[in-house]
PDB file of N, CA and C in Angstrom:
ATOM      1  N   UNK A   1     -11.102   2.914 -30.545  1.00  0.00           N
ATOM      2  CA  UNK A   1     -10.950   2.885 -29.104  1.00  0.00           C
ATOM      3  C   UNK A   1      -9.750   3.742 -28.714  1.00  0.00           C
ATOM      4  N   UNK A   2      -9.910   4.489 -27.653  1.00  0.00           N
ATOM      5  CA  UNK A   2      -8.840   5.367 -27.176  1.00  0.00           C
ATOM      6  C   UNK A   2      -7.771   4.587 -26.447  1.00  0.00           C
ATOM      7  N   UNK A   3      -6.590   5.131 -26.438  1.00  0.00           N
ATOM      8  CA  UNK A   3      -5.505   4.568 -25.650  1.00  0.00           C
ATOM      9  C   UNK A   3      -5.884   4.673 -24.180  1.00  0.00           C
ATOM     10  N   UNK A   4      -5.727   3.614 -23.397  1.00  0.00           N
ATOM     11  CA  UNK A   4      -6.120   3.617 -21.995  1.00  0.00           C
ATOM     12  C   UNK A   4      -5.205   4.455 -21.131  1.00  0.00           C
ATOM     13  N   UNK A   5      -4.017   4.781 -21.615  1.00  0.00           N
ATOM     14  CA  UNK A   5      -3.097   5.600 -20.845  1.00  0.00           C
ATOM     15  C   UNK A   5      -3.091   7.012 -21.383  1.00  0.00           C
ATOM     16  N   UNK A   6      -3.069   7.968 -20.488  1.00  0.00           N
ATOM     17  CA  UNK A   6      -2.931   9.355 -20.904  1.00  0.00           C
ATOM     18  C   UNK A   6      -2.029  10.057 -19.900  1.00  0.00           C
ATOM     19  N   UNK A   7      -1.364  11.091 -20.353  1.00  0.00           N
ATOM     20  CA  UNK A   7      -0.465  11.834 -19.484  1.00  0.00           C
ATOM     21  C   UNK A   7      -1.253  12.882 -18.737  1.00  0.00           C
ATOM     22  N   UNK A   8      -1.097  12.937 -17.425  1.00  0.00           N
ATOM     23  CA  UNK A   8      -1.730  13.984 -16.644  1.00  0.00           C
ATOM     24  C   UNK A   8      -0.944  15.270 -16.812  1.00  0.00           C
ATOM     25  N   UNK A   9       0.324  15.242 -16.495  1.00  0.00           N
ATOM     26  CA  UNK A   9       1.196  16.382 -16.754  1.00  0.00           C
ATOM     27  C   UNK A   9       2.640  15.944 -16.578  1.00  0.00           C
ATOM     28  N   UNK A  10       3.518  16.693 -17.174  1.00  0.00           N
ATOM     29  CA  UNK A  10       4.947  16.466 -17.010  1.00  0.00           C
ATOM     30  C   UNK A  10       5.588  17.776 -16.582  1.00  0.00           C
ATOM     31  N   UNK A  11       6.200  17.787 -15.438  1.00  0.00           N
ATOM     32  CA  UNK A  11       7.000  18.932 -15.014  1.00  0.00           C
ATOM     33  C   UNK A  11       8.392  18.397 -14.759  1.00  0.00           C
ATOM     34  N   UNK A  12       8.617  17.806 -13.613  1.00  0.00           N
ATOM     35  CA  UNK A  12       9.864  17.083 -13.361  1.00  0.00           C
ATOM     36  C   UNK A  12       9.641  15.587 -13.543  1.00  0.00           C
ATOM     37  N   UNK A  13       8.394  15.140 -13.320  1.00  0.00           N
ATOM     38  CA  UNK A  13       8.038  13.727 -13.412  1.00  0.00           C
ATOM     39  C   UNK A  13       6.731  13.625 -14.193  1.00  0.00           C
ATOM     40  N   UNK A  14       6.617  12.629 -15.062  1.00  0.00           N
ATOM     41  CA  UNK A  14       5.370  12.405 -15.802  1.00  0.00           C
ATOM     42  C   UNK A  14       4.483  11.432 -15.027  1.00  0.00           C
ATOM     43  N   UNK A  15       3.190  11.703 -15.042  1.00  0.00           N
ATOM     44  CA  UNK A  15       2.203  10.837 -14.416  1.00  0.00           C
ATOM     45  C   UNK A  15       1.356  10.212 -15.507  1.00  0.00           C
ATOM     46  N   UNK A  16       1.159   8.908 -15.458  1.00  0.00           N
ATOM     47  CA  UNK A  16       0.327   8.206 -16.430  1.00  0.00           C
ATOM     48  C   UNK A  16      -0.904   7.675 -15.725  1.00  0.00           C
ATOM     49  N   UNK A  17      -2.061   7.811 -16.366  1.00  0.00           N
ATOM     50  CA  UNK A  17      -3.330   7.374 -15.800  1.00  0.00           C
ATOM     51  C   UNK A  17      -3.967   6.328 -16.700  1.00  0.00           C
ATOM     52  N   UNK A  18      -4.740   5.406 -16.088  1.00  0.00           N
ATOM     53  CA  UNK A  18      -5.522   4.473 -16.891  1.00  0.00           C
ATOM     54  C   UNK A  18      -6.928   5.043 -17.085  1.00  0.00           C
ATOM     55  N   UNK A  19      -7.808   4.278 -17.718  1.00  0.00           N
ATOM     56  CA  UNK A  19      -9.157   4.751 -18.031  1.00  0.00           C
ATOM     57  C   UNK A  19      -9.984   5.015 -16.772  1.00  0.00           C
ATOM     58  N   UNK A  20      -9.616   4.419 -15.646  1.00  0.00           N
ATOM     59  CA  UNK A  20     -10.341   4.619 -14.393  1.00  0.00           C
ATOM     60  C   UNK A  20      -9.790   5.777 -13.577  1.00  0.00           C
ATOM     61  N   UNK A  21      -8.761   6.441 -14.074  1.00  0.00           N
ATOM     62  CA  UNK A  21      -8.168   7.556 -13.347  1.00  0.00           C
ATOM     63  C   UNK A  21      -7.091   7.145 -12.362  1.00  0.00           C
ATOM     64  N   UNK A  22      -6.701   5.874 -12.379  1.00  0.00           N
ATOM     65  CA  UNK A  22      -5.644   5.379 -11.496  1.00  0.00           C
ATOM     66  C   UNK A  22      -4.277   5.764 -12.057  1.00  0.00           C
ATOM     67  N   UNK A  23      -3.381   6.203 -11.194  1.00  0.00           N
ATOM     68  CA  UNK A  23      -2.004   6.467 -11.609  1.00  0.00           C
ATOM     69  C   UNK A  23      -1.324   5.125 -11.854  1.00  0.00           C
ATOM     70  N   UNK A  24      -0.829   4.906 -13.065  1.00  0.00           N
ATOM     71  CA  UNK A  24      -0.184   3.633 -13.395  1.00  0.00           C
ATOM     72  C   UNK A  24       1.333   3.745 -13.469  1.00  0.00           C
ATOM     73  N   UNK A  25       1.837   4.961 -13.622  1.00  0.00           N
ATOM     74  CA  UNK A  25       3.282   5.163 -13.655  1.00  0.00           C
ATOM     75  C   UNK A  25       3.587   6.573 -13.190  1.00  0.00           C
ATOM     76  N   UNK A  26       4.644   6.665 -12.395  1.00  0.00           N
ATOM     77  CA  UNK A  26       5.085   7.957 -11.878  1.00  0.00           C
ATOM     78  C   UNK A  26       6.576   7.838 -11.625  1.00  0.00           C
ATOM     79  N   UNK A  27       7.370   8.585 -12.363  1.00  0.00           N
ATOM     80  CA  UNK A  27       8.820   8.450 -12.218  1.00  0.00           C
ATOM     81  C   UNK A  27       9.219   7.034 -12.553  1.00  0.00           C
ATOM     82  N   UNK A  28       9.942   6.362 -11.679  1.00  0.00           N
ATOM     83  CA  UNK A  28      10.359   4.980 -11.888  1.00  0.00           C
ATOM     84  C   UNK A  28       9.429   3.966 -11.257  1.00  0.00           C
ATOM     85  N   UNK A  29       8.233   4.381 -10.850  1.00  0.00           N
ATOM     86  CA  UNK A  29       7.281   3.508 -10.159  1.00  0.00           C
ATOM     87  C   UNK A  29       6.163   3.115 -11.114  1.00  0.00           C
ATOM     88  N   UNK A  30       5.846   1.810 -11.189  1.00  0.00           N
ATOM     89  CA  UNK A  30       4.729   1.310 -11.993  1.00  0.00           C
ATOM     90  C   UNK A  30       3.735   0.621 -11.069  1.00  0.00           C
ATOM     91  N   UNK A  31       2.443   0.904 -11.276  1.00  0.00           N
ATOM     92  CA  UNK A  31       1.395   0.382 -10.397  1.00  0.00           C
ATOM     93  C   UNK A  31       0.387  -0.391 -11.228  1.00  0.00           C
ATOM     94  N   UNK A  32       0.067  -1.613 -10.786  1.00  0.00           N
ATOM     95  CA  UNK A  32      -0.970  -2.430 -11.417  1.00  0.00           C
ATOM     96  C   UNK A  32      -2.127  -2.552 -10.433  1.00  0.00           C
ATOM     97  N   UNK A  33      -3.350  -2.463 -10.948  1.00  0.00           N
ATOM     98  CA  UNK A  33      -4.552  -2.489 -10.112  1.00  0.00           C
ATOM     99  C   UNK A  33      -5.337  -3.762 -10.340  1.00  0.00           C
ATOM    100  N   UNK A  34      -6.108  -4.175  -9.312  1.00  0.00           N
ATOM    101  CA  UNK A  34      -6.972  -5.339  -9.457  1.00  0.00           C
ATOM    102  C   UNK A  34      -8.328  -4.904 -10.013  1.00  0.00           C
ATOM    103  N   UNK A  35      -9.279  -5.818 -10.073  1.00  0.00           N
ATOM    104  CA  UNK A  35     -10.590  -5.516 -10.643  1.00  0.00           C
ATOM    105  C   UNK A  35     -11.370  -4.494  -9.817  1.00  0.00           C
ATOM    106  N   UNK A  36     -10.992  -4.305  -8.565  1.00  0.00           N
ATOM    107  CA  UNK A  36     -11.660  -3.333  -7.696  1.00  0.00           C
ATOM    108  C   UNK A  36     -10.982  -1.963  -7.731  1.00  0.00           C
ATOM    109  N   UNK A  37     -10.024  -1.788  -8.639  1.00  0.00           N
ATOM    110  CA  UNK A  37      -9.241  -0.550  -8.745  1.00  0.00           C
ATOM    111  C   UNK A  37      -8.412  -0.271  -7.500  1.00  0.00           C
ATOM    112  N   UNK A  38      -7.955  -1.318  -6.848  1.00  0.00           N
ATOM    113  CA  UNK A  38      -7.065  -1.192  -5.691  1.00  0.00           C
ATOM    114  C   UNK A  38      -5.654  -1.577  -6.127  1.00  0.00           C
ATOM    115  N   UNK A  39      -4.631  -0.897  -5.621  1.00  0.00           N
ATOM    116  CA  UNK A  39      -3.257  -1.211  -6.050  1.00  0.00           C
ATOM    117  C   UNK A  39      -2.855  -2.621  -5.633  1.00  0.00           C
ATOM    118  N   UNK A  40      -2.555  -3.454  -6.627  1.00  0.00           N
ATOM    119  CA  UNK A  40      -2.192  -4.848  -6.357  1.00  0.00           C
ATOM    120  C   UNK A  40      -0.688  -5.045  -6.348  1.00  0.00           C
ATOM    121  N   UNK A  41      -0.002  -4.519  -7.362  1.00  0.00           N
ATOM    122  CA  UNK A  41       1.452  -4.647  -7.439  1.00  0.00           C
ATOM    123  C   UNK A  41       2.050  -3.279  -7.735  1.00  0.00           C
ATOM    124  N   UNK A  42       3.050  -2.906  -6.944  1.00  0.00           N
ATOM    125  CA  UNK A  42       3.758  -1.652  -7.137  1.00  0.00           C
ATOM    126  C   UNK A  42       5.219  -2.003  -7.375  1.00  0.00           C
ATOM    127  N   UNK A  43       5.704  -1.711  -8.573  1.00  0.00           N
ATOM    128  CA  UNK A  43       7.100  -1.976  -8.934  1.00  0.00           C
ATOM    129  C   UNK A  43       7.917  -0.713  -8.669  1.00  0.00           C
ATOM    130  N   UNK A  44       8.933  -0.834  -7.835  1.00  0.00           N
ATOM    131  CA  UNK A  44       9.788   0.288  -7.475  1.00  0.00           C
ATOM    132  C   UNK A  44      11.147   0.138  -8.146  1.00  0.00           C
ATOM    133  N   UNK A  45      11.901   1.217  -8.257  1.00  0.00           N
ATOM    134  CA  UNK A  45      13.244   1.117  -8.849  1.00  0.00           C
ATOM    135  C   UNK A  45      14.138   0.150  -8.070  1.00  0.00           C
ATOM    136  N   UNK A  46      15.077  -0.444  -8.746  1.00  0.00           N
ATOM    137  CA  UNK A  46      16.047  -1.324  -8.096  1.00  0.00           C
ATOM    138  C   UNK A  46      15.541  -2.717  -7.827  1.00  0.00           C
ATOM    139  N   UNK A  47      14.463  -3.151  -8.496  1.00  0.00           N
ATOM    140  CA  UNK A  47      13.963  -4.513  -8.314  1.00  0.00           C
ATOM    141  C   UNK A  47      13.083  -4.705  -7.105  1.00  0.00           C
ATOM    142  N   UNK A  48      12.733  -3.634  -6.418  1.00  0.00           N
ATOM    143  CA  UNK A  48      11.857  -3.743  -5.248  1.00  0.00           C
ATOM    144  C   UNK A  48      10.397  -3.702  -5.682  1.00  0.00           C
ATOM    145  N   UNK A  49       9.523  -4.357  -4.905  1.00  0.00           N
ATOM    146  CA  UNK A  49       8.099  -4.320  -5.224  1.00  0.00           C
ATOM    147  C   UNK A  49       7.263  -4.504  -3.958  1.00  0.00           C
ATOM    148  N   UNK A  50       6.001  -4.092  -4.062  1.00  0.00           N
ATOM    149  CA  UNK A  50       5.016  -4.252  -2.993  1.00  0.00           C
ATOM    150  C   UNK A  50       3.829  -4.971  -3.604  1.00  0.00           C
ATOM    151  N   UNK A  51       3.368  -6.050  -2.962  1.00  0.00           N
ATOM    152  CA  UNK A  51       2.229  -6.806  -3.458  1.00  0.00           C
ATOM    153  C   UNK A  51       1.147  -6.816  -2.390  1.00  0.00           C
ATOM    154  N   UNK A  52      -0.059  -6.369  -2.765  1.00  0.00           N
ATOM    155  CA  UNK A  52      -1.186  -6.308  -1.842  1.00  0.00           C
ATOM    156  C   UNK A  52      -2.203  -7.386  -2.187  1.00  0.00           C
ATOM    157  N   UNK A  53      -2.820  -7.971  -1.153  1.00  0.00           N
ATOM    158  CA  UNK A  53      -3.881  -8.960  -1.318  1.00  0.00           C
ATOM    159  C   UNK A  53      -5.121  -8.429  -0.609  1.00  0.00           C
ATOM    160  N   UNK A  54      -6.288  -8.544  -1.277  1.00  0.00           N
ATOM    161  CA  UNK A  54      -7.543  -8.028  -0.743  1.00  0.00           C
ATOM    162  C   UNK A  54      -8.610  -9.113  -0.753  1.00  0.00           C
ATOM    163  N   UNK A  55      -9.669  -8.904   0.056  1.00  0.00           N
ATOM    164  CA  UNK A  55     -10.856  -9.747  -0.044  1.00  0.00           C
ATOM    165  C   UNK A  55     -11.654  -9.300  -1.261  1.00  0.00           C
ATOM    166  N   UNK A  56     -12.679 -10.049  -1.621  1.00  0.00           N
ATOM    167  CA  UNK A  56     -13.512  -9.659  -2.760  1.00  0.00           C
ATOM    168  C   UNK A  56     -14.258  -8.361  -2.486  1.00  0.00           C
ATOM    169  N   UNK A  57     -14.399  -7.991  -1.214  1.00  0.00           N
ATOM    170  CA  UNK A  57     -15.046  -6.740  -0.847  1.00  0.00           C
ATOM    171  C   UNK A  57     -14.090  -5.565  -0.763  1.00  0.00           C
ATOM    172  N   UNK A  58     -12.801  -5.796  -0.976  1.00  0.00           N
ATOM    173  CA  UNK A  58     -11.826  -4.723  -0.994  1.00  0.00           C
ATOM    174  C   UNK A  58     -11.083  -4.493   0.320  1.00  0.00           C
ATOM    175  N   UNK A  59     -11.308  -5.329   1.332  1.00  0.00           N
ATOM    176  CA  UNK A  59     -10.571  -5.182   2.590  1.00  0.00           C
ATOM    177  C   UNK A  59      -9.178  -5.774   2.426  1.00  0.00           C
ATOM    178  N   UNK A  60      -8.165  -5.005   2.808  1.00  0.00           N
ATOM    179  CA  UNK A  60      -6.786  -5.464   2.637  1.00  0.00           C
ATOM    180  C   UNK A  60      -6.482  -6.584   3.625  1.00  0.00           C
ATOM    181  N   UNK A  61      -5.900  -7.673   3.109  1.00  0.00           N
ATOM    182  CA  UNK A  61      -5.508  -8.812   3.932  1.00  0.00           C
ATOM    183  C   UNK A  61      -4.013  -8.851   4.196  1.00  0.00           C
ATOM    184  N   UNK A  62      -3.221  -8.451   3.193  1.00  0.00           N
ATOM    185  CA  UNK A  62      -1.782  -8.636   3.323  1.00  0.00           C
ATOM    186  C   UNK A  62      -1.032  -7.692   2.397  1.00  0.00           C
ATOM    187  N   UNK A  63       0.117  -7.220   2.870  1.00  0.00           N
ATOM    188  CA  UNK A  63       1.061  -6.459   2.060  1.00  0.00           C
ATOM    189  C   UNK A  63       2.408  -7.155   2.172  1.00  0.00           C
ATOM    190  N   UNK A  64       2.973  -7.530   1.040  1.00  0.00           N
ATOM    191  CA  UNK A  64       4.276  -8.193   1.014  1.00  0.00           C
ATOM    192  C   UNK A  64       5.254  -7.270   0.304  1.00  0.00           C
ATOM    193  N   UNK A  65       6.359  -6.977   0.955  1.00  0.00           N
ATOM    194  CA  UNK A  65       7.402  -6.144   0.375  1.00  0.00           C
ATOM    195  C   UNK A  65       8.562  -7.038  -0.027  1.00  0.00           C
ATOM    196  N   UNK A  66       8.946  -6.932  -1.288  1.00  0.00           N
ATOM    197  CA  UNK A  66      10.042  -7.747  -1.813  1.00  0.00           C
ATOM    198  C   UNK A  66      11.180  -6.844  -2.251  1.00  0.00           C
ATOM    199  N   UNK A  67      12.394  -7.271  -1.964  1.00  0.00           N
ATOM    200  CA  UNK A  67      13.588  -6.567  -2.424  1.00  0.00           C
ATOM    201  C   UNK A  67      14.385  -7.565  -3.238  1.00  0.00           C
ATOM    202  N   UNK A  68      14.257  -7.467  -4.563  1.00  0.00           N
ATOM    203  CA  UNK A  68      14.899  -8.438  -5.468  1.00  0.00           C
ATOM    204  C   UNK A  68      14.494  -9.860  -5.122  1.00  0.00           C
ATOM    205  N   UNK A  69      13.196 -10.089  -4.974  1.00  0.00           N
ATOM    206  CA  UNK A  69      12.545 -11.375  -4.688  1.00  0.00           C
ATOM    207  C   UNK A  69      12.786 -11.903  -3.279  1.00  0.00           C
ATOM    208  N   UNK A  70      13.365 -11.119  -2.381  1.00  0.00           N
ATOM    209  CA  UNK A  70      13.519 -11.543  -0.988  1.00  0.00           C
ATOM    210  C   UNK A  70      12.568 -10.736  -0.118  1.00  0.00           C
ATOM    211  N   UNK A  71      11.918 -11.423   0.832  1.00  0.00           N
ATOM    212  CA  UNK A  71      11.000 -10.743   1.737  1.00  0.00           C
ATOM    213  C   UNK A  71      11.777  -9.783   2.632  1.00  0.00           C
ATOM    214  N   UNK A  72      11.149  -8.654   2.939  1.00  0.00           N
ATOM    215  CA  UNK A  72      11.767  -7.675   3.830  1.00  0.00           C
ATOM    216  C   UNK A  72      10.853  -7.414   5.014  1.00  0.00           C
ATOM    217  N   UNK A  73      11.288  -6.559   5.928  1.00  0.00           N
ATOM    218  CA  UNK A  73      10.514  -6.270   7.133  1.00  0.00           C
ATOM    219  C   UNK A  73       9.206  -5.551   6.857  1.00  0.00           C
ATOM    220  N   UNK A  74       8.975  -5.095   5.632  1.00  0.00           N
ATOM    221  CA  UNK A  74       7.761  -4.369   5.309  1.00  0.00           C
ATOM    222  C   UNK A  74       6.529  -5.233   5.139  1.00  0.00           C
ATOM    223  N   UNK A  75       6.652  -6.560   5.263  1.00  0.00           N
ATOM    224  CA  UNK A  75       5.522  -7.454   5.089  1.00  0.00           C
ATOM    225  C   UNK A  75       4.554  -7.318   6.260  1.00  0.00           C
ATOM    226  N   UNK A  76       3.264  -7.129   5.946  1.00  0.00           N
ATOM    227  CA  UNK A  76       2.229  -6.956   6.969  1.00  0.00           C
ATOM    228  C   UNK A  76       1.038  -7.846   6.645  1.00  0.00           C
ATOM    229  N   UNK A  77       0.355  -8.312   7.692  1.00  0.00           N
ATOM    230  CA  UNK A  77      -0.892  -9.046   7.552  1.00  0.00           C
ATOM    231  C   UNK A  77      -1.964  -8.260   8.295  1.00  0.00           C
ATOM    232  N   UNK A  78      -3.150  -8.164   7.686  1.00  0.00           N
ATOM    233  CA  UNK A  78      -4.230  -7.353   8.241  1.00  0.00           C
ATOM    234  C   UNK A  78      -5.392  -8.237   8.652  1.00  0.00           C
ATOM    235  N   UNK A  79      -5.977  -7.958   9.818  1.00  0.00           N
ATOM    236  CA  UNK A  79      -7.199  -8.602  10.270  1.00  0.00           C
ATOM    237  C   UNK A  79      -8.071  -7.505  10.857  1.00  0.00           C
ATOM    238  N   UNK A  80      -8.843  -6.869   9.990  1.00  0.00           N
ATOM    239  CA  UNK A  80      -9.632  -5.719  10.423  1.00  0.00           C
ATOM    240  C   UNK A  80      -8.694  -4.587  10.810  1.00  0.00           C
ATOM    241  N   UNK A  81      -8.808  -4.116  12.051  1.00  0.00           N
ATOM    242  CA  UNK A  81      -7.973  -3.021  12.539  1.00  0.00           C
ATOM    243  C   UNK A  81      -6.666  -3.501  13.166  1.00  0.00           C
ATOM    244  N   UNK A  82      -6.429  -4.796  13.177  1.00  0.00           N
ATOM    245  CA  UNK A  82      -5.210  -5.359  13.745  1.00  0.00           C
ATOM    246  C   UNK A  82      -4.182  -5.578  12.641  1.00  0.00           C
ATOM    247  N   UNK A  83      -2.984  -5.057  12.820  1.00  0.00           N
ATOM    248  CA  UNK A  83      -1.925  -5.194  11.819  1.00  0.00           C
ATOM    249  C   UNK A  83      -0.776  -5.972  12.442  1.00  0.00           C
ATOM    250  N   UNK A  84      -0.344  -7.035  11.753  1.00  0.00           N
ATOM    251  CA  UNK A  84       0.693  -7.932  12.245  1.00  0.00           C
ATOM    252  C   UNK A  84       1.932  -7.816  11.372  1.00  0.00           C
ATOM    253  N   UNK A  85       3.113  -8.026  11.973  1.00  0.00           N
ATOM    254  CA  UNK A  85       4.362  -7.985  11.215  1.00  0.00           C
ATOM    255  C   UNK A  85       4.606  -9.314  10.515  1.00  0.00           C
ATOM    256  N   UNK A  86       5.773  -9.437   9.857  1.00  0.00           N
ATOM    257  CA  UNK A  86       6.064 -10.646   9.071  1.00  0.00           C
ATOM    258  C   UNK A  86       6.160 -11.905   9.919  1.00  0.00           C
ATOM    259  N   UNK A  87       6.350 -11.755  11.241  1.00  0.00           N
ATOM    260  CA  UNK A  87       6.431 -12.915  12.137  1.00  0.00           C
ATOM    261  C   UNK A  87       5.091 -13.259  12.774  1.00  0.00           C
ATOM    262  N   UNK A  88       4.039 -12.516  12.398  1.00  0.00           N
ATOM    263  CA  UNK A  88       2.720 -12.767  12.957  1.00  0.00           C
ATOM    264  C   UNK A  88       2.491 -12.096  14.303  1.00  0.00           C
ATOM    265  N   UNK A  89       3.410 -11.229  14.717  1.00  0.00           N
ATOM    266  CA  UNK A  89       3.273 -10.508  15.988  1.00  0.00           C
ATOM    267  C   UNK A  89       2.452  -9.234  15.773  1.00  0.00           C
ATOM    268  N   UNK A  90       1.594  -8.914  16.739  1.00  0.00           N
ATOM    269  CA  UNK A  90       0.802  -7.696  16.654  1.00  0.00           C
ATOM    270  C   UNK A  90       1.723  -6.492  16.613  1.00  0.00           C
ATOM    271  N   UNK A  91       1.562  -5.640  15.579  1.00  0.00           N
ATOM    272  CA  UNK A  91       2.382  -4.448  15.443  1.00  0.00           C
ATOM    273  C   UNK A  91       1.635  -3.203  15.924  1.00  0.00           C
ATOM    274  N   UNK A  92       0.386  -3.052  15.462  1.00  0.00           N
ATOM    275  CA  UNK A  92      -0.435  -1.947  15.944  1.00  0.00           C
ATOM    276  C   UNK A  92      -1.901  -2.207  15.669  1.00  0.00           C
ATOM    277  N   UNK A  93      -2.748  -1.401  16.333  1.00  0.00           N
ATOM    278  CA  UNK A  93      -4.196  -1.458  16.198  1.00  0.00           C
ATOM    279  C   UNK A  93      -4.658  -0.085  15.717  1.00  0.00           C
ATOM    280  N   UNK A  94      -5.431  -0.067  14.646  1.00  0.00           N
ATOM    281  CA  UNK A  94      -5.951   1.192  14.126  1.00  0.00           C
ATOM    282  C   UNK A  94      -7.258   1.550  14.822  1.00  0.00           C
ATOM    283  N   UNK A  95      -7.475   2.840  15.072  1.00  0.00           N
ATOM    284  CA  UNK A  95      -8.761   3.334  15.544  1.00  0.00           C
ATOM    285  C   UNK A  95      -8.999   4.703  14.932  1.00  0.00           C
ATOM    286  N   UNK A  96     -10.203   5.241  15.071  1.00  0.00           N
ATOM    287  CA  UNK A  96     -10.596   6.459  14.358  1.00  0.00           C
ATOM    288  C   UNK A  96      -9.638   7.619  14.560  1.00  0.00           C
ATOM    289  N   UNK A  97      -9.108   7.782  15.740  1.00  0.00           N
ATOM    290  CA  UNK A  97      -8.257   8.930  16.036  1.00  0.00           C
ATOM    291  C   UNK A  97      -6.766   8.670  15.862  1.00  0.00           C
ATOM    292  N   UNK A  98      -6.373   7.451  15.474  1.00  0.00           N
ATOM    293  CA  UNK A  98      -4.950   7.160  15.312  1.00  0.00           C
ATOM    294  C   UNK A  98      -4.674   5.670  15.349  1.00  0.00           C
ATOM    295  N   UNK A  99      -3.632   5.287  16.102  1.00  0.00           N
ATOM    296  CA  UNK A  99      -3.288   3.877  16.234  1.00  0.00           C
ATOM    297  C   UNK A  99      -2.668   3.627  17.600  1.00  0.00           C
ATOM    298  N   UNK A 100      -2.693   2.356  17.998  1.00  0.00           N
ATOM    299  CA  UNK A 100      -2.082   1.919  19.252  1.00  0.00           C
ATOM    300  C   UNK A 100      -0.921   1.011  18.887  1.00  0.00           C
ATOM    301  N   UNK A 101       0.301   1.445  19.170  1.00  0.00           N
ATOM    302  CA  UNK A 101       1.494   0.660  18.867  1.00  0.00           C
ATOM    303  C   UNK A 101       1.720  -0.387  19.941  1.00  0.00           C
ATOM    304  N   UNK A 102       2.113  -1.574  19.530  1.00  0.00           N
ATOM    305  CA  UNK A 102       2.429  -2.654  20.454  1.00  0.00           C
ATOM    306  C   UNK A 102       3.923  -2.921  20.369  1.00  0.00           C
ATOM    307  N   UNK A 103       4.604  -2.825  21.519  1.00  0.00           N
ATOM    308  CA  UNK A 103       6.044  -3.037  21.543  1.00  0.00           C
ATOM    309  C   UNK A 103       6.418  -3.776  22.819  1.00  0.00           C
ATOM    310  N   UNK A 104       6.795  -5.032  22.681  1.00  0.00           N
ATOM    311  CA  UNK A 104       7.216  -5.863  23.815  1.00  0.00           C
ATOM    312  C   UNK A 104       6.197  -5.863  24.947  1.00  0.00           C
ATOM    313  N   UNK A 105       4.917  -6.019  24.616  1.00  0.00           N
ATOM    314  CA  UNK A 105       3.872  -6.107  25.622  1.00  0.00           C
ATOM    315  C   UNK A 105       3.342  -4.764  26.095  1.00  0.00           C
ATOM    316  N   UNK A 106       3.980  -3.678  25.702  1.00  0.00           N
ATOM    317  CA  UNK A 106       3.522  -2.339  26.101  1.00  0.00           C
ATOM    318  C   UNK A 106       2.759  -1.711  24.927  1.00  0.00           C
ATOM    319  N   UNK A 107       1.788  -0.876  25.267  1.00  0.00           N
ATOM    320  CA  UNK A 107       0.984  -0.205  24.246  1.00  0.00           C
ATOM    321  C   UNK A 107       1.180   1.298  24.339  1.00  0.00           C
ATOM    322  N   UNK A 108       1.372   1.943  23.185  1.00  0.00           N
ATOM    323  CA  UNK A 108       1.551   3.385  23.115  1.00  0.00           C
ATOM    324  C   UNK A 108       0.534   3.948  22.138  1.00  0.00           C
ATOM    325  N   UNK A 109      -0.193   4.976  22.550  1.00  0.00           N
ATOM    326  CA  UNK A 109      -1.186   5.602  21.699  1.00  0.00           C
ATOM    327  C   UNK A 109      -0.534   6.687  20.838  1.00  0.00           C
ATOM    328  N   UNK A 110      -0.856   6.690  19.553  1.00  0.00           N
ATOM    329  CA  UNK A 110      -0.463   7.758  18.641  1.00  0.00           C
ATOM    330  C   UNK A 110      -1.743   8.329  18.043  1.00  0.00           C
ATOM    331  N   UNK A 111      -1.870   9.642  18.078  1.00  0.00           N
ATOM    332  CA  UNK A 111      -3.081  10.294  17.589  1.00  0.00           C
ATOM    333  C   UNK A 111      -2.801  11.085  16.328  1.00  0.00           C
ATOM    334  N   UNK A 112      -3.787  11.103  15.414  1.00  0.00           N
ATOM    335  CA  UNK A 112      -3.713  11.922  14.199  1.00  0.00           C
ATOM    336  C   UNK A 112      -4.090  13.350  14.577  1.00  0.00           C
ATOM    337  N   UNK A 113      -3.339  14.308  14.117  1.00  0.00           N
ATOM    338  CA  UNK A 113      -3.687  15.704  14.300  1.00  0.00           C
ATOM    339  C   UNK A 113      -4.429  16.167  13.048  1.00  0.00           C
ATOM    340  N   UNK A 114      -5.644  16.692  13.230  1.00  0.00           N
ATOM    341  CA  UNK A 114      -6.477  17.089  12.103  1.00  0.00           C
ATOM    342  C   UNK A 114      -6.977  18.499  12.295  1.00  0.00           C
ATOM    343  N   UNK A 115      -7.064  19.236  11.211  1.00  0.00           N
ATOM    344  CA  UNK A 115      -7.747  20.521  11.222  1.00  0.00           C
ATOM    345  C   UNK A 115      -9.220  20.261  10.995  1.00  0.00           C
ATOM    346  N   UNK A 116     -10.044  20.890  11.774  1.00  0.00           N
ATOM    347  CA  UNK A 116     -11.493  20.673  11.596  1.00  0.00           C
ATOM    348  C   UNK A 116     -12.182  21.958  11.303  1.00  0.00           C
TER     349      UNK A 116
END
């Protein structure tokens, strides 16, 4: 059986891939994937990490950002196109052309610029 990790290339940083083609290590970052090949845990330098939770169909439910085991402002909860902050407040709404930011009851549209 072959080793599941292989090096893609090394120039300034080495990239490691698993048998599914997922990047598992890059610089000081290590990534673990779930059974659906979605990033579940991302270990960052300095004890920081990102933990993602998905449905069985692969829809993201939650992203928790930890800094040395303490929750940070990066924690998000997902309900379809609605994204909530760590306090459960609506942060933004995703749509095909961009997102709608929610800030103190006001909504601001942000659009993606694309070459077609």
